[in-house]
Structure formats: C-alpha cells, structure tokens
Amino acid sequence: QVQLVESGGNLVQTGGSLRLSCVVSGSIFVFSHNDMGWYRQAPGKQREWVARISSSGSADYADSVKGRFTISRDNAKNTVYLSMNSLKPEDTAVYYCNLGLRWGQGTQVTVSS
C-alpha cells in the first residue's frame, strides 16, 4: 500500500524559509515513474495546486509561488521536497503531497507578519 508522509512544516516569520519533505512508502516503482505534486489549503479556502515535478524532473509552479518555491525529488529516497523562500503570510496553509489519487496527511506552514 502506497503511503505519503509530509514533514517540515513550522512557524516562520515573513521572509523566512522552510523545506518540506514528502516520503512515499510502499512502492519504489510507483514513486519513480510518476509525477509528484504539492498542494496547499488555507483556512476557509479550497485546496490549490502549488507545484509539480515530473518523473523526469521537469517542474511547474503556480504563479503565486514562482521564483520563491522550488520542487525537487530524490528517487533513491522516494522523497519529494518543496523548498520555500521569501515566505509571505499568504503562504500560510496546510501543505499536502500528492501522487495520483493519493494524498498525505498534510503539514502546517504558518508565516507570521
């Protein structure tokens, strides 16, 4: 059974940085041959797409995070990362890792003003 576990969320000040991790367990083949995505959901708002990385390493970003966030993956570790710089209060949300129809439990990122 494939499971996704996020970590790395924290409380940071505006302008700070964080790196989120998502470890995929259960199938090395599934991870290395699929696109991975990060989404976020702020209180009272719908979940929104943040970034995705293809199995070959190509990355795409939402306009709101472009130039500040970087998605990467380590297939040897079954892990996808989201490096977040120049954080803003509007980045405050629960961040979720996604693989196909599978989701992690989320990790809270709070950016104080």
Protein backbone atom coordinates (compact mmCIF):
# COMPACT_ATOMS: atom_id res chain seq x y z
CA GLN A 1 0.00 0.00 0.00
CA VAL A 2 1.44 3.36 -1.04
CA GLN A 3 1.56 5.99 1.70
CA LEU A 4 2.69 9.62 1.65
CA VAL A 5 4.04 11.32 4.77
CA GLU A 6 4.84 15.04 4.82
CA SER A 7 7.06 16.83 7.29
CA GLY A 8 8.90 20.10 7.72
CA GLY A 9 6.07 22.49 8.41
CA ASN A 10 6.67 25.15 11.04
CA LEU A 11 6.01 28.69 12.20
CA VAL A 12 8.29 31.21 10.47
CA GLN A 13 8.48 34.97 10.08
CA THR A 14 7.79 36.80 6.85
CA GLY A 15 10.79 36.45 4.57
CA GLY A 16 11.86 33.18 6.13
CA SER A 17 12.47 29.80 4.55
CA LEU A 18 11.32 26.23 5.03
CA ARG A 19 11.85 22.93 3.30
CA LEU A 20 9.02 20.43 3.24
CA SER A 21 9.60 16.74 2.63
CA CYS A 22 7.25 14.00 1.48
CA VAL A 23 8.34 10.40 1.79
CA VAL A 24 6.48 7.83 -0.30
CA SER A 25 6.48 4.31 1.06
CA GLY A 26 5.16 1.07 -0.34
CA SER A 27 6.44 1.11 -3.91
CA ILE A 28 9.69 2.45 -5.31
CA PHE A 29 8.38 1.81 -8.84
CA VAL A 30 5.27 3.92 -8.30
CA PHE A 31 7.26 6.87 -7.00
CA SER A 32 9.99 6.94 -9.61
CA HIS A 33 7.58 6.56 -12.55
CA ASN A 34 5.02 9.17 -11.56
CA ASP A 35 4.64 12.89 -11.31
CA MET A 36 4.53 14.31 -7.80
CA GLY A 37 2.72 17.43 -6.65
CA TRP A 38 2.40 19.81 -3.75
CA TYR A 39 -0.90 21.46 -2.91
CA ARG A 40 -1.99 23.72 -0.07
CA GLN A 41 -5.18 24.65 1.69
CA ALA A 42 -5.60 27.81 3.71
CA PRO A 43 -8.38 28.18 6.30
CA GLY A 44 -11.72 28.77 4.62
CA LYS A 45 -10.29 28.27 1.13
CA GLN A 46 -10.21 25.48 -1.41
CA ARG A 47 -7.15 23.34 -1.86
CA GLU A 48 -4.90 24.81 -4.53
CA TRP A 49 -2.09 23.46 -6.63
CA VAL A 50 1.39 24.76 -5.77
CA ALA A 51 3.96 22.82 -7.81
CA ARG A 52 4.53 19.57 -9.66
CA ILE A 53 7.54 17.64 -10.80
CA SER A 54 7.52 15.01 -13.49
CA SER A 55 9.17 11.63 -13.24
CA SER A 56 11.99 13.05 -15.38
CA GLY A 57 12.42 16.10 -13.15
CA SER A 58 10.61 18.84 -15.07
CA ALA A 59 8.94 21.31 -12.72
CA ASP A 60 5.94 23.65 -12.94
CA TYR A 61 4.76 26.23 -10.43
CA ALA A 62 1.70 28.25 -9.61
CA ASP A 63 2.20 31.92 -10.41
CA SER A 64 1.84 32.82 -6.73
CA VAL A 65 4.99 30.87 -5.79
CA LYS A 66 7.07 31.07 -8.95
CA GLY A 67 10.57 32.31 -8.20
CA ARG A 68 10.22 31.64 -4.46
CA PHE A 69 9.50 27.89 -4.24
CA THR A 70 11.48 25.01 -5.70
CA ILE A 71 10.23 21.45 -6.04
CA SER A 72 12.72 18.61 -6.31
CA ARG A 73 12.81 14.86 -5.95
CA ASP A 74 15.23 12.17 -4.89
CA ASN A 75 14.15 8.89 -6.45
CA ALA A 76 16.72 6.95 -4.43
CA LYS A 77 14.98 8.13 -1.25
CA ASN A 78 11.40 8.06 -2.56
CA THR A 79 11.18 11.67 -1.44
CA VAL A 80 9.90 14.90 -2.95
CA TYR A 81 10.83 18.27 -1.48
CA LEU A 82 9.42 21.77 -1.55
CA SER A 83 11.93 24.48 -0.71
CA MET A 84 10.17 27.70 0.15
CA ASN A 85 11.93 31.06 0.34
CA SER A 86 10.76 34.62 0.88
CA LEU A 87 7.69 33.33 2.66
CA LYS A 88 4.66 35.59 3.00
CA PRO A 89 1.69 35.48 5.38
CA GLU A 90 -0.48 34.42 2.43
CA ASP A 91 1.60 31.23 2.17
CA THR A 92 0.09 30.11 5.47
CA ALA A 93 -1.72 26.82 4.84
CA VAL A 94 -1.64 23.08 5.29
CA TYR A 95 0.63 21.70 2.59
CA TYR A 96 -0.19 18.32 1.04
CA CYS A 97 1.84 15.96 -1.05
CA ASN A 98 0.09 14.25 -3.97
CA LEU A 99 0.73 11.19 -6.11
CA GLY A 100 -2.15 10.37 -8.44
CA LEU A 101 -5.19 9.84 -6.26
CA ARG A 102 -3.11 9.53 -3.11
CA TRP A 103 -2.59 12.28 -0.54
CA GLY A 104 -0.55 12.70 2.57
CA GLN A 105 -1.94 13.94 5.86
CA GLY A 106 -0.52 17.43 5.41
CA THR A 107 1.96 19.62 7.27
CA GLN A 108 1.16 23.06 8.67
CA VAL A 109 3.07 26.11 7.50
CA THR A 110 2.39 29.35 9.32
CA VAL A 111 4.03 32.61 8.27
CA SER A 112 3.78 35.42 10.79
CA SER A 113 3.72 39.05 9.73
